[in-house]
Amino acid sequence: MSESPRQVTVTSLRKLKEQGERFACLTAYDASFAAVLDDAGIDMILVGDSLGMVIQGRSTTLPVTLDEMVYHTRAVSRGTRRALVMADLPFMSYASVPQALDSAARLMKEGGAQAVKLEAGGDAVAIVEQLARHGIPVCGHLGLAPQSVHKLGGYRVQGREHAAAEAMLADARAMEQAGADLLLLESVPAGLAERISRAVSVPVIGIGAGPACDAQILVLYDLLGISMGKRPRFSMDFLQALSGSEAISVRAAVAAFVQAVKDGSFPAAEHTFT
């Protein structure tokens, strides 16, 4: 009888950072895709509120409800054996500490999530502190915050100005001190992302944040070239990249992404902001 694969945890991801080993993450929203990602070697699956755009066809993530997040997280958890499953706390589901605790508890108890992610604005540090105190693994999302798209005036690179960069670095340190187990940087200049990755001991996951992060994540549908609208600059169609190969499949595309993250060939210069 073959041994069951060893479960990825926030502790094992931190060990990878300490050893200087990169790891790969992708989004998923159902059991079938989750099983493919898990089999192809993905270390962490994010059930993102991006489902509002790639699954529901909405223009932003804001309409996604907690009930919908619980539903999709439950489905992904059923298809996953090894990868750590992390779920987004959707817009206005963590406006206070009690609400954040209730929302995170639902994602873990009903959905089977092993960690939750929240966008780090407002009282996020206090919320992270309380979530961590209650044994809930947390990822703080810095940089471009899709839930604040209207406040930001669009999907724009964050942290290019000196003051904004210093504030983001301070936020990263504050999130770690509050008990965050992971950080995610979205649409951040590569140099700033490298500073943040070196300044904190927790793993830093990048999406449009350059090659110096400890891990990379993409939206699965971008990786497969099936997203609606324009594909983000920081993503890559790994399925198309297999053109001419003898083995063209979703699993092969995901495995190619895993390898490219681990060997440092992705993200390349064309996927990076300065």
C-alpha atoms as a PDB file:
ATOM      1  CA  MET A   1       0.000   0.000   0.000  1.00  0.00           C
ATOM      2  CA  SER A   2       1.420   3.402  -1.000  1.00  0.00           C
ATOM      3  CA  GLU A   3       1.948   5.965   1.726  1.00  0.00           C
ATOM      4  CA  SER A   4      -0.360   8.963   1.881  1.00  0.00           C
ATOM      5  CA  PRO A   5       1.361  12.203   0.805  1.00  0.00           C
ATOM      6  CA  ARG A   6       2.563  14.371   3.665  1.00  0.00           C
ATOM      7  CA  GLN A   7       0.183  17.265   4.344  1.00  0.00           C
ATOM      8  CA  VAL A   8       1.560  20.728   3.650  1.00  0.00           C
ATOM      9  CA  THR A   9       1.187  23.080   6.634  1.00  0.00           C
ATOM     10  CA  VAL A  10       2.130  26.655   7.425  1.00  0.00           C
ATOM     11  CA  THR A  11       5.012  25.199   9.438  1.00  0.00           C
ATOM     12  CA  SER A  12       6.355  23.194   6.498  1.00  0.00           C
ATOM     13  CA  LEU A  13       6.054  26.248   4.228  1.00  0.00           C
ATOM     14  CA  ARG A  14       8.062  28.284   6.718  1.00  0.00           C
ATOM     15  CA  LYS A  15      10.737  25.586   6.695  1.00  0.00           C
ATOM     16  CA  LEU A  16      10.923  25.874   2.900  1.00  0.00           C
ATOM     17  CA  LYS A  17      11.647  29.597   3.285  1.00  0.00           C
ATOM     18  CA  GLU A  18      14.314  28.895   5.883  1.00  0.00           C
ATOM     19  CA  GLN A  19      15.921  26.411   3.473  1.00  0.00           C
ATOM     20  CA  GLY A  20      15.738  28.844   0.568  1.00  0.00           C
ATOM     21  CA  GLU A  21      13.345  26.631  -1.401  1.00  0.00           C
ATOM     22  CA  ARG A  22      10.548  28.229  -3.435  1.00  0.00           C
ATOM     23  CA  PHE A  23       7.051  26.806  -3.507  1.00  0.00           C
ATOM     24  CA  ALA A  24       4.137  27.116  -5.926  1.00  0.00           C
ATOM     25  CA  CYS A  25       0.517  28.106  -5.331  1.00  0.00           C
ATOM     26  CA  LEU A  26      -2.579  28.364  -7.526  1.00  0.00           C
ATOM     27  CA  THR A  27      -6.246  29.196  -7.108  1.00  0.00           C
ATOM     28  CA  ALA A  28      -8.965  26.563  -7.482  1.00  0.00           C
ATOM     29  CA  TYR A  29     -12.706  26.628  -6.975  1.00  0.00           C
ATOM     30  CA  ASP A  30     -13.884  23.005  -7.316  1.00  0.00           C
ATOM     31  CA  ALA A  31     -12.887  19.456  -6.388  1.00  0.00           C
ATOM     32  CA  SER A  32     -11.814  18.297  -9.858  1.00  0.00           C
ATOM     33  CA  PHE A  33      -9.329  21.091 -10.498  1.00  0.00           C
ATOM     34  CA  ALA A  34      -8.130  20.867  -6.888  1.00  0.00           C
ATOM     35  CA  ALA A  35      -7.293  17.188  -7.392  1.00  0.00           C
ATOM     36  CA  VAL A  36      -5.307  17.971 -10.566  1.00  0.00           C
ATOM     37  CA  LEU A  37      -3.351  20.733  -8.823  1.00  0.00           C
ATOM     38  CA  ASP A  38      -2.685  18.542  -5.813  1.00  0.00           C
ATOM     39  CA  ASP A  39      -1.416  15.694  -8.000  1.00  0.00           C
ATOM     40  CA  ALA A  40       0.807  18.043 -10.027  1.00  0.00           C
ATOM     41  CA  GLY A  41       2.720  19.189  -6.947  1.00  0.00           C
ATOM     42  CA  ILE A  42       1.083  22.492  -5.979  1.00  0.00           C
ATOM     43  CA  ASP A  43       1.910  23.234  -2.338  1.00  0.00           C
ATOM     44  CA  MET A  44      -0.959  25.600  -1.558  1.00  0.00           C
ATOM     45  CA  ILE A  45      -4.378  26.080  -3.142  1.00  0.00           C
ATOM     46  CA  LEU A  46      -6.136  29.391  -2.621  1.00  0.00           C
ATOM     47  CA  VAL A  47      -9.903  29.427  -2.860  1.00  0.00           C
ATOM     48  CA  GLY A  48      -9.922  33.056  -3.895  1.00  0.00           C
ATOM     49  CA  ASP A  49     -12.769  35.520  -4.029  1.00  0.00           C
ATOM     50  CA  SER A  50     -11.477  35.877  -7.596  1.00  0.00           C
ATOM     51  CA  LEU A  51     -14.187  33.292  -8.230  1.00  0.00           C
ATOM     52  CA  GLY A  52     -16.531  36.256  -8.491  1.00  0.00           C
ATOM     53  CA  MET A  53     -14.767  37.238 -11.715  1.00  0.00           C
ATOM     54  CA  VAL A  54     -13.583  33.956 -13.261  1.00  0.00           C
ATOM     55  CA  ILE A  55     -16.508  31.740 -12.198  1.00  0.00           C
ATOM     56  CA  GLN A  56     -19.421  34.169 -11.851  1.00  0.00           C
ATOM     57  CA  GLY A  57     -18.416  36.632 -14.585  1.00  0.00           C
ATOM     58  CA  ARG A  58     -18.573  39.714 -12.380  1.00  0.00           C
ATOM     59  CA  SER A  59     -16.422  42.784 -12.895  1.00  0.00           C
ATOM     60  CA  THR A  60     -14.994  42.767  -9.328  1.00  0.00           C
ATOM     61  CA  THR A  61     -14.698  40.432  -6.344  1.00  0.00           C
ATOM     62  CA  LEU A  62     -16.962  42.559  -4.155  1.00  0.00           C
ATOM     63  CA  PRO A  63     -20.282  40.696  -4.617  1.00  0.00           C
ATOM     64  CA  VAL A  64     -18.864  37.340  -3.453  1.00  0.00           C
ATOM     65  CA  THR A  65     -20.565  36.183  -0.259  1.00  0.00           C
ATOM     66  CA  LEU A  66     -19.264  34.205   2.684  1.00  0.00           C
ATOM     67  CA  ASP A  67     -21.750  31.427   1.886  1.00  0.00           C
ATOM     68  CA  GLU A  68     -20.274  31.172  -1.612  1.00  0.00           C
ATOM     69  CA  MET A  69     -16.752  31.052  -0.223  1.00  0.00           C
ATOM     70  CA  VAL A  70     -17.719  28.271   2.196  1.00  0.00           C
ATOM     71  CA  TYR A  71     -19.332  26.304  -0.651  1.00  0.00           C
ATOM     72  CA  HIS A  72     -16.317  26.505  -2.964  1.00  0.00           C
ATOM     73  CA  THR A  73     -13.831  25.895  -0.147  1.00  0.00           C
ATOM     74  CA  ARG A  74     -15.702  22.736   0.834  1.00  0.00           C
ATOM     75  CA  ALA A  75     -15.522  21.514  -2.763  1.00  0.00           C
ATOM     76  CA  VAL A  76     -11.780  22.213  -3.044  1.00  0.00           C
ATOM     77  CA  SER A  77     -11.089  20.530   0.293  1.00  0.00           C
ATOM     78  CA  ARG A  78     -12.786  17.368  -0.941  1.00  0.00           C
ATOM     79  CA  GLY A  79     -10.448  17.204  -3.926  1.00  0.00           C
ATOM     80  CA  THR A  80      -7.235  17.862  -2.009  1.00  0.00           C
ATOM     81  CA  ARG A  81      -5.020  15.363  -0.203  1.00  0.00           C
ATOM     82  CA  ARG A  82      -1.640  17.111   0.229  1.00  0.00           C
ATOM     83  CA  ALA A  83      -1.794  20.844  -0.552  1.00  0.00           C
ATOM     84  CA  LEU A  84      -2.660  23.387   2.108  1.00  0.00           C
ATOM     85  CA  VAL A  85      -6.095  24.885   1.392  1.00  0.00           C
ATOM     86  CA  MET A  86      -6.423  28.607   2.103  1.00  0.00           C
ATOM     87  CA  ALA A  87      -9.611  30.604   1.638  1.00  0.00           C
ATOM     88  CA  ASP A  88     -10.257  34.308   1.190  1.00  0.00           C
ATOM     89  CA  LEU A  89     -12.341  36.220   3.680  1.00  0.00           C
ATOM     90  CA  PRO A  90     -14.652  38.066   1.263  1.00  0.00           C
ATOM     91  CA  PHE A  91     -15.486  41.764   1.220  1.00  0.00           C
ATOM     92  CA  MET A  92     -17.004  43.051   4.497  1.00  0.00           C
ATOM     93  CA  SER A  93     -16.882  39.631   6.192  1.00  0.00           C
ATOM     94  CA  TYR A  94     -14.185  40.808   8.646  1.00  0.00           C
ATOM     95  CA  ALA A  95     -15.129  44.401   9.442  1.00  0.00           C
ATOM     96  CA  SER A  96     -14.721  43.705  13.170  1.00  0.00           C
ATOM     97  CA  VAL A  97     -12.890  41.156  15.277  1.00  0.00           C
ATOM     98  CA  PRO A  98     -16.046  39.192  16.233  1.00  0.00           C
ATOM     99  CA  GLN A  99     -17.197  39.090  12.604  1.00  0.00           C
ATOM    100  CA  ALA A 100     -13.738  38.008  11.429  1.00  0.00           C
ATOM    101  CA  LEU A 101     -13.641  35.195  13.980  1.00  0.00           C
ATOM    102  CA  ASP A 102     -17.099  33.988  12.938  1.00  0.00           C
ATOM    103  CA  SER A 103     -16.264  34.170   9.233  1.00  0.00           C
ATOM    104  CA  ALA A 104     -12.933  32.378   9.610  1.00  0.00           C
ATOM    105  CA  ALA A 105     -14.552  29.715  11.789  1.00  0.00           C
ATOM    106  CA  ARG A 106     -17.104  29.007   9.050  1.00  0.00           C
ATOM    107  CA  LEU A 107     -14.427  28.713   6.375  1.00  0.00           C
ATOM    108  CA  MET A 108     -12.527  26.227   8.537  1.00  0.00           C
ATOM    109  CA  LYS A 109     -15.353  24.270  10.190  1.00  0.00           C
ATOM    110  CA  GLU A 110     -17.766  24.143   7.237  1.00  0.00           C
ATOM    111  CA  GLY A 111     -15.367  24.625   4.351  1.00  0.00           C
ATOM    112  CA  GLY A 112     -12.354  22.674   5.553  1.00  0.00           C
ATOM    113  CA  ALA A 113      -9.882  25.540   5.030  1.00  0.00           C
ATOM    114  CA  GLN A 114      -6.559  25.272   6.829  1.00  0.00           C
ATOM    115  CA  ALA A 115      -5.788  28.994   6.608  1.00  0.00           C
ATOM    116  CA  VAL A 116      -7.582  32.226   5.738  1.00  0.00           C
ATOM    117  CA  LYS A 117      -6.437  35.304   3.850  1.00  0.00           C
ATOM    118  CA  LEU A 118      -7.503  38.885   4.391  1.00  0.00           C
ATOM    119  CA  GLU A 119      -6.622  42.177   2.761  1.00  0.00           C
ATOM    120  CA  ALA A 120      -4.507  44.181   5.174  1.00  0.00           C
ATOM    121  CA  GLY A 121      -6.278  47.487   5.580  1.00  0.00           C
ATOM    122  CA  GLY A 122      -7.938  49.355   8.431  1.00  0.00           C
ATOM    123  CA  ASP A 123      -7.928  47.299  11.616  1.00  0.00           C
ATOM    124  CA  ALA A 124      -6.352  44.265   9.946  1.00  0.00           C
ATOM    125  CA  VAL A 125      -3.455  44.011  12.407  1.00  0.00           C
ATOM    126  CA  ALA A 126      -5.806  43.752  15.390  1.00  0.00           C
ATOM    127  CA  ILE A 127      -7.902  41.215  13.505  1.00  0.00           C
ATOM    128  CA  VAL A 128      -4.868  39.120  12.578  1.00  0.00           C
ATOM    129  CA  GLU A 129      -3.766  39.178  16.208  1.00  0.00           C
ATOM    130  CA  GLN A 130      -7.091  37.800  17.392  1.00  0.00           C
ATOM    131  CA  LEU A 131      -7.344  35.194  14.635  1.00  0.00           C
ATOM    132  CA  ALA A 132      -3.854  33.972  15.462  1.00  0.00           C
ATOM    133  CA  ARG A 133      -4.679  33.934  19.176  1.00  0.00           C
ATOM    134  CA  HIS A 134      -7.567  31.595  18.392  1.00  0.00           C
ATOM    135  CA  GLY A 135      -5.370  29.174  16.459  1.00  0.00           C
ATOM    136  CA  ILE A 136      -6.332  30.287  12.961  1.00  0.00           C
ATOM    137  CA  PRO A 137      -3.492  30.432  10.412  1.00  0.00           C
ATOM    138  CA  VAL A 138      -3.611  33.780   8.608  1.00  0.00           C
ATOM    139  CA  CYS A 139      -2.185  35.259   5.415  1.00  0.00           C
ATOM    140  CA  GLY A 140      -2.060  39.041   5.121  1.00  0.00           C
ATOM    141  CA  HIS A 141      -2.622  40.435   1.609  1.00  0.00           C
ATOM    142  CA  LEU A 142      -0.617  43.607   0.845  1.00  0.00           C
ATOM    143  CA  GLY A 143      -0.173  45.734  -2.263  1.00  0.00           C
ATOM    144  CA  LEU A 144      -3.041  45.794  -4.748  1.00  0.00           C
ATOM    145  CA  ALA A 145      -6.163  44.945  -2.755  1.00  0.00           C
ATOM    146  CA  PRO A 146      -8.960  43.898  -5.151  1.00  0.00           C
ATOM    147  CA  GLN A 147     -11.621  44.449  -2.491  1.00  0.00           C
ATOM    148  CA  SER A 148     -10.539  48.113  -2.400  1.00  0.00           C
ATOM    149  CA  VAL A 149     -10.492  48.563  -6.174  1.00  0.00           C
ATOM    150  CA  HIS A 150     -12.908  51.512  -6.087  1.00  0.00           C
ATOM    151  CA  LYS A 151     -10.898  53.252  -3.366  1.00  0.00           C
ATOM    152  CA  LEU A 152      -7.663  52.666  -5.292  1.00  0.00           C
ATOM    153  CA  GLY A 153      -9.146  53.900  -8.554  1.00  0.00           C
ATOM    154  CA  GLY A 154      -8.495  50.671 -10.454  1.00  0.00           C
ATOM    155  CA  TYR A 155      -6.105  47.756 -10.638  1.00  0.00           C
ATOM    156  CA  ARG A 156      -2.813  49.604 -10.279  1.00  0.00           C
ATOM    157  CA  VAL A 157       0.688  48.760  -9.094  1.00  0.00           C
ATOM    158  CA  GLN A 158       1.128  49.725  -5.448  1.00  0.00           C
ATOM    159  CA  GLY A 159       4.228  50.910  -3.569  1.00  0.00           C
ATOM    160  CA  ARG A 160       6.089  52.791  -6.290  1.00  0.00           C
ATOM    161  CA  GLU A 161       6.323  56.006  -4.269  1.00  0.00           C
ATOM    162  CA  HIS A 162       8.825  56.072  -1.394  1.00  0.00           C
ATOM    163  CA  ALA A 163       6.237  56.791   1.306  1.00  0.00           C
ATOM    164  CA  ALA A 164       3.910  54.060   0.065  1.00  0.00           C
ATOM    165  CA  ALA A 165       6.781  51.576  -0.100  1.00  0.00           C
ATOM    166  CA  GLU A 166       7.895  52.330   3.457  1.00  0.00           C
ATOM    167  CA  ALA A 167       4.306  52.053   4.697  1.00  0.00           C
ATOM    168  CA  MET A 168       3.928  48.637   3.029  1.00  0.00           C
ATOM    169  CA  LEU A 169       7.162  47.420   4.578  1.00  0.00           C
ATOM    170  CA  ALA A 170       5.947  48.592   7.984  1.00  0.00           C
ATOM    171  CA  ASP A 171       2.596  46.858   7.420  1.00  0.00           C
ATOM    172  CA  ALA A 172       4.373  43.609   6.558  1.00  0.00           C
ATOM    173  CA  ARG A 173       6.398  43.722   9.763  1.00  0.00           C
ATOM    174  CA  ALA A 174       3.296  44.586  11.773  1.00  0.00           C
ATOM    175  CA  MET A 175       1.369  41.678  10.268  1.00  0.00           C
ATOM    176  CA  GLU A 176       4.172  39.268  11.127  1.00  0.00           C
ATOM    177  CA  GLN A 177       4.369  40.613  14.678  1.00  0.00           C
ATOM    178  CA  ALA A 178       0.587  40.218  15.023  1.00  0.00           C
ATOM    179  CA  GLY A 179       0.896  36.524  14.198  1.00  0.00           C
ATOM    180  CA  ALA A 180       0.411  36.235  10.431  1.00  0.00           C
ATOM    181  CA  ASP A 181       1.823  32.961   9.105  1.00  0.00           C
ATOM    182  CA  LEU A 182       2.089  34.101   5.480  1.00  0.00           C
ATOM    183  CA  LEU A 183       2.074  37.297   3.452  1.00  0.00           C
ATOM    184  CA  LEU A 184       0.884  37.799  -0.119  1.00  0.00           C
ATOM    185  CA  LEU A 185       2.103  40.717  -2.243  1.00  0.00           C
ATOM    186  CA  GLU A 186       0.088  41.657  -5.337  1.00  0.00           C
ATOM    187  CA  SER A 187       1.232  44.066  -8.063  1.00  0.00           C
ATOM    188  CA  VAL A 188       4.235  45.399  -6.177  1.00  0.00           C
ATOM    189  CA  PRO A 189       7.578  46.569  -7.643  1.00  0.00           C
ATOM    190  CA  ALA A 190      10.113  43.749  -7.597  1.00  0.00           C
ATOM    191  CA  GLY A 191      12.617  45.694  -5.513  1.00  0.00           C
ATOM    192  CA  LEU A 192      10.100  46.411  -2.771  1.00  0.00           C
ATOM    193  CA  ALA A 193       8.900  42.811  -2.750  1.00  0.00           C
ATOM    194  CA  GLU A 194      12.491  41.672  -2.285  1.00  0.00           C
ATOM    195  CA  ARG A 195      12.947  44.069   0.657  1.00  0.00           C
ATOM    196  CA  ILE A 196       9.791  42.764   2.303  1.00  0.00           C
ATOM    197  CA  SER A 197      10.711  39.115   1.695  1.00  0.00           C
ATOM    198  CA  ARG A 198      14.057  39.680   3.415  1.00  0.00           C
ATOM    199  CA  ALA A 199      12.587  41.724   6.272  1.00  0.00           C
ATOM    200  CA  VAL A 200      10.149  39.082   7.523  1.00  0.00           C
ATOM    201  CA  SER A 201      10.648  35.469   8.573  1.00  0.00           C
ATOM    202  CA  VAL A 202       7.277  34.253   7.282  1.00  0.00           C
ATOM    203  CA  PRO A 203       6.931  33.104   3.650  1.00  0.00           C
ATOM    204  CA  VAL A 204       6.030  35.824   1.152  1.00  0.00           C
ATOM    205  CA  ILE A 205       3.894  34.800  -1.826  1.00  0.00           C
ATOM    206  CA  GLY A 206       4.044  36.986  -4.900  1.00  0.00           C
ATOM    207  CA  ILE A 207       1.647  37.690  -7.740  1.00  0.00           C
ATOM    208  CA  GLY A 208       3.071  40.380  -9.936  1.00  0.00           C
ATOM    209  CA  ALA A 209       5.725  41.020  -7.285  1.00  0.00           C
ATOM    210  CA  GLY A 210       8.880  39.795  -8.966  1.00  0.00           C
ATOM    211  CA  PRO A 211      11.107  36.726  -8.585  1.00  0.00           C
ATOM    212  CA  ALA A 212      12.525  37.344  -5.107  1.00  0.00           C
ATOM    213  CA  CYS A 213       9.391  36.217  -3.244  1.00  0.00           C
ATOM    214  CA  ASP A 214       9.449  32.861  -1.476  1.00  0.00           C
ATOM    215  CA  ALA A 215       6.546  31.584  -3.581  1.00  0.00           C
ATOM    216  CA  GLN A 216       4.442  32.497  -6.584  1.00  0.00           C
ATOM    217  CA  ILE A 217       0.705  32.293  -7.124  1.00  0.00           C
ATOM    218  CA  LEU A 218      -1.500  32.723 -10.181  1.00  0.00           C
ATOM    219  CA  VAL A 219      -5.193  32.482 -10.876  1.00  0.00           C
ATOM    220  CA  LEU A 220      -5.631  29.023 -12.414  1.00  0.00           C
ATOM    221  CA  TYR A 221      -7.725  30.351 -15.282  1.00  0.00           C
ATOM    222  CA  ASP A 222      -4.951  32.779 -16.269  1.00  0.00           C
ATOM    223  CA  LEU A 223      -2.436  29.928 -16.244  1.00  0.00           C
ATOM    224  CA  LEU A 224      -4.720  27.962 -18.608  1.00  0.00           C
ATOM    225  CA  GLY A 225      -5.460  30.941 -20.862  1.00  0.00           C
ATOM    226  CA  ILE A 226      -9.223  30.803 -20.344  1.00  0.00           C
ATOM    227  CA  SER A 227      -9.900  33.954 -18.334  1.00  0.00           C
ATOM    228  CA  MET A 228     -12.324  36.477 -19.742  1.00  0.00           C
ATOM    229  CA  GLY A 229     -10.850  39.788 -20.842  1.00  0.00           C
ATOM    230  CA  LYS A 230      -7.198  40.795 -20.902  1.00  0.00           C
ATOM    231  CA  ARG A 231      -4.748  38.495 -19.155  1.00  0.00           C
ATOM    232  CA  PRO A 232      -2.743  40.307 -16.444  1.00  0.00           C
ATOM    233  CA  ARG A 233       0.822  41.177 -17.367  1.00  0.00           C
ATOM    234  CA  PHE A 234       2.194  39.236 -14.431  1.00  0.00           C
ATOM    235  CA  SER A 235       0.572  35.955 -15.494  1.00  0.00           C
ATOM    236  CA  MET A 236       1.574  33.393 -18.096  1.00  0.00           C
ATOM    237  CA  ASP A 237      -0.400  30.909 -20.204  1.00  0.00           C
ATOM    238  CA  PHE A 238       1.456  27.705 -19.323  1.00  0.00           C
ATOM    239  CA  LEU A 239      -0.926  25.556 -21.371  1.00  0.00           C
ATOM    240  CA  GLN A 240      -0.101  27.480 -24.533  1.00  0.00           C
ATOM    241  CA  ALA A 241       3.579  27.233 -23.677  1.00  0.00           C
ATOM    242  CA  LEU A 242       3.283  23.442 -24.014  1.00  0.00           C
ATOM    243  CA  SER A 243       2.343  23.775 -27.696  1.00  0.00           C
ATOM    244  CA  GLY A 244       4.296  21.207 -29.678  1.00  0.00           C
ATOM    245  CA  SER A 245       4.894  19.044 -26.621  1.00  0.00           C
ATOM    246  CA  GLU A 246       3.854  15.396 -26.611  1.00  0.00           C
ATOM    247  CA  ALA A 247       1.978  15.854 -23.335  1.00  0.00           C
ATOM    248  CA  ILE A 248      -0.460  18.768 -23.469  1.00  0.00           C
ATOM    249  CA  SER A 249      -2.839  18.664 -20.501  1.00  0.00           C
ATOM    250  CA  VAL A 250      -3.991  20.730 -17.568  1.00  0.00           C
ATOM    251  CA  ARG A 251      -1.835  18.623 -15.271  1.00  0.00           C
ATOM    252  CA  ALA A 252       1.225  19.142 -17.481  1.00  0.00           C
ATOM    253  CA  ALA A 253       0.647  22.909 -17.527  1.00  0.00           C
ATOM    254  CA  VAL A 254       0.381  23.007 -13.736  1.00  0.00           C
ATOM    255  CA  ALA A 255       3.480  20.834 -13.357  1.00  0.00           C
ATOM    256  CA  ALA A 256       5.356  23.181 -15.705  1.00  0.00           C
ATOM    257  CA  PHE A 257       4.332  26.117 -13.509  1.00  0.00           C
ATOM    258  CA  VAL A 258       5.527  24.307 -10.375  1.00  0.00           C
ATOM    259  CA  GLN A 259       8.897  23.599 -11.998  1.00  0.00           C
ATOM    260  CA  ALA A 260       9.275  27.165 -13.298  1.00  0.00           C
ATOM    261  CA  VAL A 261       8.605  28.609  -9.829  1.00  0.00           C
ATOM    262  CA  LYS A 262      11.021  26.235  -8.139  1.00  0.00           C
ATOM    263  CA  ASP A 263      13.842  26.776 -10.633  1.00  0.00           C
ATOM    264  CA  GLY A 264      13.325  30.542 -10.693  1.00  0.00           C
ATOM    265  CA  SER A 265      12.471  30.890 -14.387  1.00  0.00           C
ATOM    266  CA  PHE A 266       9.039  32.295 -13.527  1.00  0.00           C
ATOM    267  CA  PRO A 267       8.333  35.126 -13.127  1.00  0.00           C
ATOM    268  CA  ALA A 268      10.603  36.526 -15.837  1.00  0.00           C
ATOM    269  CA  ALA A 269      11.275  40.196 -16.541  1.00  0.00           C
ATOM    270  CA  GLU A 270       8.164  40.543 -18.692  1.00  0.00           C
ATOM    271  CA  HIS A 271       5.989  39.483 -15.744  1.00  0.00           C
ATOM    272  CA  THR A 272       7.568  41.956 -13.298  1.00  0.00           C
ATOM    273  CA  PHE A 273       6.913  45.565 -12.324  1.00  0.00           C
ATOM    274  CA  THR A 274       9.626  48.073 -11.488  1.00  0.00           C
END
